[in-house]
Amino acid sequence: MSRLGKMDLRKHVWIGYLAAGALLTGAYLWFPPLKGNGPLINLLGLSSSIAIAVGIYLHRPRAKAAWFLFIVGQFLFFAGDLYTYSYPKVFGADVEFPSLGDAIYLTVYPALVAGLLILVKRRNPRGDRAAVIDSLILTVGIALISWVFLVAPNIHLSGLTLLEKGYRLPIPSATSSSSRPRFVSPSIRESARRPFISSSAASSHSSPSTRPTRMRC
């Protein structure tokens, strides 16, 4: 592909992906023949990993390792969806809780946080104590709200085993932790946003920070 053609593709491919993602998401939510369709939601989930890979190819970011980790995280999320949506059709029974799919969902967070930390480290290899303190203030505030409204009520639910309660606890904690690096390094958004733009449509249909908590809550 010529350099001119590649530049033109950069300008338009994300728009097409965004439009297609929005259209398919709308169909999943409101179009009767496809409403709640498992294969469609799995396709949307898988497309985010593919879109990030395409973004890496088109924009050649320096921090490729971070974006590969984002691919891993998004693919793990797709794998959790694939298990969760396919289990009833394959085995003719509801998915147990917690299940293998729930375990896969939990592995999404380490991959995404590791990618974010790499981007933060590239911004300032020597570290930024003031930014860390700022991010910790925000993280503690979010974690407190999460504990009061999400964690504590789950701990006191009756009829749940220790394993079931144990699965519910890491989700809010991982959500608040994964948000912290975003506040540490606002200046990396401009340099790092391009590969991620191409994955925003599919990722937005269901955030990894919210999808696991919807299950049996």
C-alpha atoms as a PDB file:
ATOM      1  CA  MET A   1       0.000   0.000   0.000  1.00  0.00           C
ATOM      2  CA  SER A   2       1.370   3.433  -0.952  1.00  0.00           C
ATOM      3  CA  ARG A   3       2.003   6.030   1.696  1.00  0.00           C
ATOM      4  CA  LEU A   4      -0.735   8.272   0.280  1.00  0.00           C
ATOM      5  CA  GLY A   5      -3.214   5.415   0.252  1.00  0.00           C
ATOM      6  CA  LYS A   6      -2.320   4.500   3.809  1.00  0.00           C
ATOM      7  CA  MET A   7      -2.854   8.082   4.985  1.00  0.00           C
ATOM      8  CA  ASP A   8      -6.241   8.155   3.273  1.00  0.00           C
ATOM      9  CA  LEU A   9      -7.166   4.856   4.947  1.00  0.00           C
ATOM     10  CA  ARG A  10      -6.227   6.279   8.322  1.00  0.00           C
ATOM     11  CA  LYS A  11      -8.669   9.118   7.821  1.00  0.00           C
ATOM     12  CA  HIS A  12     -11.661   6.995   6.914  1.00  0.00           C
ATOM     13  CA  VAL A  13     -11.346   3.468   8.302  1.00  0.00           C
ATOM     14  CA  TRP A  14     -12.195   4.443  11.885  1.00  0.00           C
ATOM     15  CA  ILE A  15     -15.295   6.320  10.710  1.00  0.00           C
ATOM     16  CA  GLY A  16     -16.554   3.242   8.900  1.00  0.00           C
ATOM     17  CA  TYR A  17     -15.816   1.057  11.908  1.00  0.00           C
ATOM     18  CA  LEU A  18     -17.534   3.486  14.272  1.00  0.00           C
ATOM     19  CA  ALA A  19     -20.619   3.609  12.051  1.00  0.00           C
ATOM     20  CA  ALA A  20     -20.759  -0.177  11.636  1.00  0.00           C
ATOM     21  CA  GLY A  21     -20.263  -0.716  15.365  1.00  0.00           C
ATOM     22  CA  ALA A  22     -23.001   1.760  16.249  1.00  0.00           C
ATOM     23  CA  LEU A  23     -25.366   0.190  13.711  1.00  0.00           C
ATOM     24  CA  LEU A  24     -24.782  -3.350  14.957  1.00  0.00           C
ATOM     25  CA  THR A  25     -25.024  -2.264  18.592  1.00  0.00           C
ATOM     26  CA  GLY A  26     -28.356  -0.601  17.831  1.00  0.00           C
ATOM     27  CA  ALA A  27     -29.529  -3.762  16.096  1.00  0.00           C
ATOM     28  CA  TYR A  28     -28.534  -5.829  19.150  1.00  0.00           C
ATOM     29  CA  LEU A  29     -30.513  -3.528  21.430  1.00  0.00           C
ATOM     30  CA  TRP A  30     -33.610  -2.666  19.394  1.00  0.00           C
ATOM     31  CA  PHE A  31     -33.936  -4.629  16.138  1.00  0.00           C
ATOM     32  CA  PRO A  32     -36.269  -7.582  16.959  1.00  0.00           C
ATOM     33  CA  PRO A  33     -34.614 -10.263  14.772  1.00  0.00           C
ATOM     34  CA  LEU A  34     -31.198  -9.482  16.290  1.00  0.00           C
ATOM     35  CA  LYS A  35     -32.213  -8.223  19.725  1.00  0.00           C
ATOM     36  CA  GLY A  36     -30.122 -10.006  22.356  1.00  0.00           C
ATOM     37  CA  ASN A  37     -28.428 -12.114  19.672  1.00  0.00           C
ATOM     38  CA  GLY A  38     -25.440 -13.977  21.131  1.00  0.00           C
ATOM     39  CA  PRO A  39     -23.361 -14.368  17.952  1.00  0.00           C
ATOM     40  CA  LEU A  40     -23.807 -10.658  17.192  1.00  0.00           C
ATOM     41  CA  ILE A  41     -22.566  -9.510  20.573  1.00  0.00           C
ATOM     42  CA  ASN A  42     -19.653 -11.944  20.267  1.00  0.00           C
ATOM     43  CA  LEU A  43     -18.828 -10.504  16.855  1.00  0.00           C
ATOM     44  CA  LEU A  44     -18.818  -6.994  18.297  1.00  0.00           C
ATOM     45  CA  GLY A  45     -16.550  -8.113  21.121  1.00  0.00           C
ATOM     46  CA  LEU A  46     -14.074  -9.792  18.794  1.00  0.00           C
ATOM     47  CA  SER A  47     -14.055  -6.821  16.441  1.00  0.00           C
ATOM     48  CA  SER A  48     -12.514  -4.583  19.108  1.00  0.00           C
ATOM     49  CA  SER A  49      -9.363  -6.726  19.250  1.00  0.00           C
ATOM     50  CA  ILE A  50      -9.169  -6.767  15.456  1.00  0.00           C
ATOM     51  CA  ALA A  51      -9.695  -2.997  15.332  1.00  0.00           C
ATOM     52  CA  ILE A  52      -6.839  -2.343  17.765  1.00  0.00           C
ATOM     53  CA  ALA A  53      -4.583  -4.594  15.665  1.00  0.00           C
ATOM     54  CA  VAL A  54      -5.521  -2.630  12.550  1.00  0.00           C
ATOM     55  CA  GLY A  55      -4.835   0.587  14.448  1.00  0.00           C
ATOM     56  CA  ILE A  56      -1.367  -0.663  15.373  1.00  0.00           C
ATOM     57  CA  TYR A  57      -0.664  -1.488  11.732  1.00  0.00           C
ATOM     58  CA  LEU A  58      -1.868   1.884  10.468  1.00  0.00           C
ATOM     59  CA  HIS A  59      -0.359   4.164  13.103  1.00  0.00           C
ATOM     60  CA  ARG A  60       2.749   2.247  14.220  1.00  0.00           C
ATOM     61  CA  PRO A  61       2.696   3.444  17.860  1.00  0.00           C
ATOM     62  CA  ARG A  62       5.975   3.297  19.740  1.00  0.00           C
ATOM     63  CA  ALA A  63       4.422   1.614  22.753  1.00  0.00           C
ATOM     64  CA  LYS A  64       3.297  -1.455  20.821  1.00  0.00           C
ATOM     65  CA  ALA A  65       3.509  -3.652  23.900  1.00  0.00           C
ATOM     66  CA  ALA A  66       0.780  -1.595  25.576  1.00  0.00           C
ATOM     67  CA  TRP A  67      -1.543  -1.964  22.610  1.00  0.00           C
ATOM     68  CA  PHE A  68      -0.868  -5.682  22.334  1.00  0.00           C
ATOM     69  CA  LEU A  69      -1.897  -5.963  25.979  1.00  0.00           C
ATOM     70  CA  PHE A  70      -5.097  -4.103  25.130  1.00  0.00           C
ATOM     71  CA  ILE A  71      -5.688  -6.665  22.380  1.00  0.00           C
ATOM     72  CA  VAL A  72      -5.184  -9.445  24.907  1.00  0.00           C
ATOM     73  CA  GLY A  73      -7.568  -7.797  27.360  1.00  0.00           C
ATOM     74  CA  GLN A  74     -10.276  -7.262  24.759  1.00  0.00           C
ATOM     75  CA  PHE A  75      -9.852 -10.800  23.432  1.00  0.00           C
ATOM     76  CA  LEU A  76     -10.193 -12.232  26.944  1.00  0.00           C
ATOM     77  CA  PHE A  77     -13.381 -10.226  27.322  1.00  0.00           C
ATOM     78  CA  PHE A  78     -14.626 -11.713  24.049  1.00  0.00           C
ATOM     79  CA  ALA A  79     -13.676 -15.182  25.284  1.00  0.00           C
ATOM     80  CA  GLY A  80     -15.692 -14.643  28.471  1.00  0.00           C
ATOM     81  CA  ASP A  81     -18.672 -13.559  26.387  1.00  0.00           C
ATOM     82  CA  LEU A  82     -18.261 -16.497  24.047  1.00  0.00           C
ATOM     83  CA  TYR A  83     -18.352 -18.948  26.946  1.00  0.00           C
ATOM     84  CA  THR A  84     -21.244 -17.196  28.692  1.00  0.00           C
ATOM     85  CA  TYR A  85     -23.458 -16.878  25.622  1.00  0.00           C
ATOM     86  CA  SER A  86     -22.592 -20.265  24.118  1.00  0.00           C
ATOM     87  CA  TYR A  87     -22.910 -22.418  27.248  1.00  0.00           C
ATOM     88  CA  PRO A  88     -26.754 -22.503  27.367  1.00  0.00           C
ATOM     89  CA  LYS A  89     -26.996 -23.372  23.682  1.00  0.00           C
ATOM     90  CA  VAL A  90     -24.319 -26.089  23.800  1.00  0.00           C
ATOM     91  CA  PHE A  91     -25.254 -27.706  27.116  1.00  0.00           C
ATOM     92  CA  GLY A  92     -28.912 -26.707  27.384  1.00  0.00           C
ATOM     93  CA  ALA A  93     -28.504 -25.303  30.887  1.00  0.00           C
ATOM     94  CA  ASP A  94     -27.905 -21.940  32.537  1.00  0.00           C
ATOM     95  CA  VAL A  95     -24.337 -20.875  33.165  1.00  0.00           C
ATOM     96  CA  GLU A  96     -23.243 -21.629  36.706  1.00  0.00           C
ATOM     97  CA  PHE A  97     -22.039 -18.820  38.918  1.00  0.00           C
ATOM     98  CA  PRO A  98     -19.159 -18.383  39.247  1.00  0.00           C
ATOM     99  CA  SER A  99     -18.141 -20.087  36.032  1.00  0.00           C
ATOM    100  CA  LEU A 100     -15.137 -20.362  33.747  1.00  0.00           C
ATOM    101  CA  GLY A 101     -16.504 -17.326  31.918  1.00  0.00           C
ATOM    102  CA  ASP A 102     -16.402 -15.305  35.143  1.00  0.00           C
ATOM    103  CA  ALA A 103     -12.772 -16.314  35.696  1.00  0.00           C
ATOM    104  CA  ILE A 104     -11.929 -15.179  32.158  1.00  0.00           C
ATOM    105  CA  TYR A 105     -13.640 -11.834  32.781  1.00  0.00           C
ATOM    106  CA  LEU A 106     -11.393 -11.259  35.793  1.00  0.00           C
ATOM    107  CA  THR A 107      -8.240 -11.744  33.701  1.00  0.00           C
ATOM    108  CA  VAL A 108      -9.275  -8.777  31.541  1.00  0.00           C
ATOM    109  CA  TYR A 109      -8.219  -6.294  34.214  1.00  0.00           C
ATOM    110  CA  PRO A 110      -4.532  -7.240  34.622  1.00  0.00           C
ATOM    111  CA  ALA A 111      -3.989  -7.026  30.862  1.00  0.00           C
ATOM    112  CA  LEU A 112      -5.644  -3.619  30.516  1.00  0.00           C
ATOM    113  CA  VAL A 113      -3.974  -2.158  33.596  1.00  0.00           C
ATOM    114  CA  ALA A 114      -0.567  -3.437  32.464  1.00  0.00           C
ATOM    115  CA  GLY A 115      -1.058  -1.734  29.105  1.00  0.00           C
ATOM    116  CA  LEU A 116      -2.046   1.529  30.760  1.00  0.00           C
ATOM    117  CA  LEU A 117       0.969   1.371  33.077  1.00  0.00           C
ATOM    118  CA  ILE A 118       3.287   0.963  30.102  1.00  0.00           C
ATOM    119  CA  LEU A 119       1.850   4.127  28.548  1.00  0.00           C
ATOM    120  CA  VAL A 120       2.240   5.961  31.854  1.00  0.00           C
ATOM    121  CA  LYS A 121       5.843   4.767  32.190  1.00  0.00           C
ATOM    122  CA  ARG A 122       6.672   5.998  28.701  1.00  0.00           C
ATOM    123  CA  ARG A 123       5.360   9.438  29.578  1.00  0.00           C
ATOM    124  CA  ASN A 124       7.673   9.853  32.541  1.00  0.00           C
ATOM    125  CA  PRO A 125      10.234   7.076  33.158  1.00  0.00           C
ATOM    126  CA  ARG A 126      11.420   8.771  36.357  1.00  0.00           C
ATOM    127  CA  GLY A 127       7.977   8.779  37.897  1.00  0.00           C
ATOM    128  CA  ASP A 128       5.725  11.622  39.007  1.00  0.00           C
ATOM    129  CA  ARG A 129       5.002  11.598  42.725  1.00  0.00           C
ATOM    130  CA  ALA A 130       2.512  14.459  42.551  1.00  0.00           C
ATOM    131  CA  ALA A 131       0.517  12.730  39.820  1.00  0.00           C
ATOM    132  CA  VAL A 132       0.525   9.475  41.779  1.00  0.00           C
ATOM    133  CA  ILE A 133      -0.837  11.261  44.850  1.00  0.00           C
ATOM    134  CA  ASP A 134      -3.531  12.922  42.728  1.00  0.00           C
ATOM    135  CA  SER A 135      -4.509   9.604  41.197  1.00  0.00           C
ATOM    136  CA  LEU A 136      -4.575   7.891  44.588  1.00  0.00           C
ATOM    137  CA  ILE A 137      -6.957  10.541  45.914  1.00  0.00           C
ATOM    138  CA  LEU A 138      -9.325   9.864  43.027  1.00  0.00           C
ATOM    139  CA  THR A 139      -8.900   6.108  43.298  1.00  0.00           C
ATOM    140  CA  VAL A 140      -9.605   6.055  47.028  1.00  0.00           C
ATOM    141  CA  GLY A 141     -12.699   8.196  46.479  1.00  0.00           C
ATOM    142  CA  ILE A 142     -13.993   5.901  43.735  1.00  0.00           C
ATOM    143  CA  ALA A 143     -13.114   2.819  45.801  1.00  0.00           C
ATOM    144  CA  LEU A 144     -15.029   4.182  48.797  1.00  0.00           C
ATOM    145  CA  ILE A 145     -18.169   4.741  46.733  1.00  0.00           C
ATOM    146  CA  SER A 146     -17.697   1.314  45.160  1.00  0.00           C
ATOM    147  CA  TRP A 147     -17.343  -0.298  48.593  1.00  0.00           C
ATOM    148  CA  VAL A 148     -20.457   1.365  50.015  1.00  0.00           C
ATOM    149  CA  PHE A 149     -22.760   0.726  47.072  1.00  0.00           C
ATOM    150  CA  LEU A 150     -21.339  -2.427  45.423  1.00  0.00           C
ATOM    151  CA  VAL A 151     -18.998  -4.423  47.639  1.00  0.00           C
ATOM    152  CA  ALA A 152     -20.695  -4.178  51.041  1.00  0.00           C
ATOM    153  CA  PRO A 153     -24.194  -5.102  49.772  1.00  0.00           C
ATOM    154  CA  ASN A 154     -22.738  -8.178  48.022  1.00  0.00           C
ATOM    155  CA  ILE A 155     -20.910  -9.282  51.159  1.00  0.00           C
ATOM    156  CA  HIS A 156     -24.146  -9.255  53.138  1.00  0.00           C
ATOM    157  CA  LEU A 157     -26.252 -11.041  50.528  1.00  0.00           C
ATOM    158  CA  SER A 158     -27.735 -14.228  51.879  1.00  0.00           C
ATOM    159  CA  GLY A 159     -27.739 -17.462  49.941  1.00  0.00           C
ATOM    160  CA  LEU A 160     -24.300 -16.948  48.350  1.00  0.00           C
ATOM    161  CA  THR A 161     -21.315 -19.178  48.950  1.00  0.00           C
ATOM    162  CA  LEU A 162     -17.904 -17.784  49.881  1.00  0.00           C
ATOM    163  CA  LEU A 163     -16.730 -18.488  46.331  1.00  0.00           C
ATOM    164  CA  GLU A 164     -19.616 -16.499  44.866  1.00  0.00           C
ATOM    165  CA  LYS A 165     -18.988 -13.596  47.201  1.00  0.00           C
ATOM    166  CA  GLY A 166     -15.267 -13.825  46.500  1.00  0.00           C
ATOM    167  CA  TYR A 167     -15.853 -13.391  42.772  1.00  0.00           C
ATOM    168  CA  ARG A 168     -17.969 -10.295  43.274  1.00  0.00           C
ATOM    169  CA  LEU A 169     -15.354  -8.484  45.371  1.00  0.00           C
ATOM    170  CA  PRO A 170     -12.533  -8.032  42.797  1.00  0.00           C
ATOM    171  CA  ILE A 171     -14.771  -6.447  40.151  1.00  0.00           C
ATOM    172  CA  PRO A 172     -15.326  -3.025  41.767  1.00  0.00           C
ATOM    173  CA  SER A 173     -11.754  -2.992  43.076  1.00  0.00           C
ATOM    174  CA  ALA A 174     -10.308  -3.766  39.668  1.00  0.00           C
ATOM    175  CA  THR A 175     -12.556  -1.151  38.089  1.00  0.00           C
ATOM    176  CA  SER A 176     -11.306   1.618  40.353  1.00  0.00           C
ATOM    177  CA  SER A 177      -7.701   0.449  39.999  1.00  0.00           C
ATOM    178  CA  SER A 178      -7.869   0.344  36.223  1.00  0.00           C
ATOM    179  CA  SER A 179      -9.148   3.906  36.185  1.00  0.00           C
ATOM    180  CA  ARG A 180      -6.184   5.224  38.145  1.00  0.00           C
ATOM    181  CA  PRO A 181      -3.530   5.298  35.401  1.00  0.00           C
ATOM    182  CA  ARG A 182      -5.879   7.318  33.214  1.00  0.00           C
ATOM    183  CA  PHE A 183      -5.695  10.159  35.715  1.00  0.00           C
ATOM    184  CA  VAL A 184      -1.956   9.809  36.197  1.00  0.00           C
ATOM    185  CA  SER A 185      -1.170  10.666  32.600  1.00  0.00           C
ATOM    186  CA  PRO A 186      -3.713  12.846  30.803  1.00  0.00           C
ATOM    187  CA  SER A 187      -1.071  14.018  28.346  1.00  0.00           C
ATOM    188  CA  ILE A 188      -0.632  10.564  26.834  1.00  0.00           C
ATOM    189  CA  ARG A 189      -4.157  10.606  25.418  1.00  0.00           C
ATOM    190  CA  GLU A 190      -3.188  12.647  22.387  1.00  0.00           C
ATOM    191  CA  SER A 191      -0.213  10.471  21.443  1.00  0.00           C
ATOM    192  CA  ALA A 192      -1.888   7.192  22.249  1.00  0.00           C
ATOM    193  CA  ARG A 193      -5.484   7.781  21.191  1.00  0.00           C
ATOM    194  CA  ARG A 194      -5.255   6.897  17.497  1.00  0.00           C
ATOM    195  CA  PRO A 195      -4.953   3.111  17.673  1.00  0.00           C
ATOM    196  CA  PHE A 196      -7.584   3.081  20.392  1.00  0.00           C
ATOM    197  CA  ILE A 197     -10.076   5.176  18.409  1.00  0.00           C
ATOM    198  CA  SER A 198     -10.563   2.319  16.001  1.00  0.00           C
ATOM    199  CA  SER A 199     -11.676   0.062  18.855  1.00  0.00           C
ATOM    200  CA  SER A 200     -13.987   2.487  20.628  1.00  0.00           C
ATOM    201  CA  ALA A 201     -17.192   1.493  18.862  1.00  0.00           C
ATOM    202  CA  ALA A 202     -17.071  -2.180  19.795  1.00  0.00           C
ATOM    203  CA  SER A 203     -15.659  -1.542  23.244  1.00  0.00           C
ATOM    204  CA  SER A 204     -18.362   0.973  24.075  1.00  0.00           C
ATOM    205  CA  HIS A 205     -21.199  -1.522  23.674  1.00  0.00           C
ATOM    206  CA  SER A 206     -20.149  -3.128  26.936  1.00  0.00           C
ATOM    207  CA  SER A 207     -17.279  -1.966  29.076  1.00  0.00           C
ATOM    208  CA  PRO A 208     -15.057  -4.583  30.762  1.00  0.00           C
ATOM    209  CA  SER A 209     -15.517  -2.651  33.956  1.00  0.00           C
ATOM    210  CA  THR A 210     -19.265  -3.203  33.919  1.00  0.00           C
ATOM    211  CA  ARG A 211     -19.957  -6.435  32.051  1.00  0.00           C
ATOM    212  CA  PRO A 212     -18.994  -8.948  34.784  1.00  0.00           C
ATOM    213  CA  THR A 213     -21.050  -7.117  37.409  1.00  0.00           C
ATOM    214  CA  ARG A 214     -24.236  -7.517  35.386  1.00  0.00           C
ATOM    215  CA  MET A 215     -24.170 -11.254  35.926  1.00  0.00           C
ATOM    216  CA  ARG A 216     -26.636 -12.317  38.562  1.00  0.00           C
ATOM    217  CA  CYS A 217     -26.547  -9.006  40.397  1.00  0.00           C
END
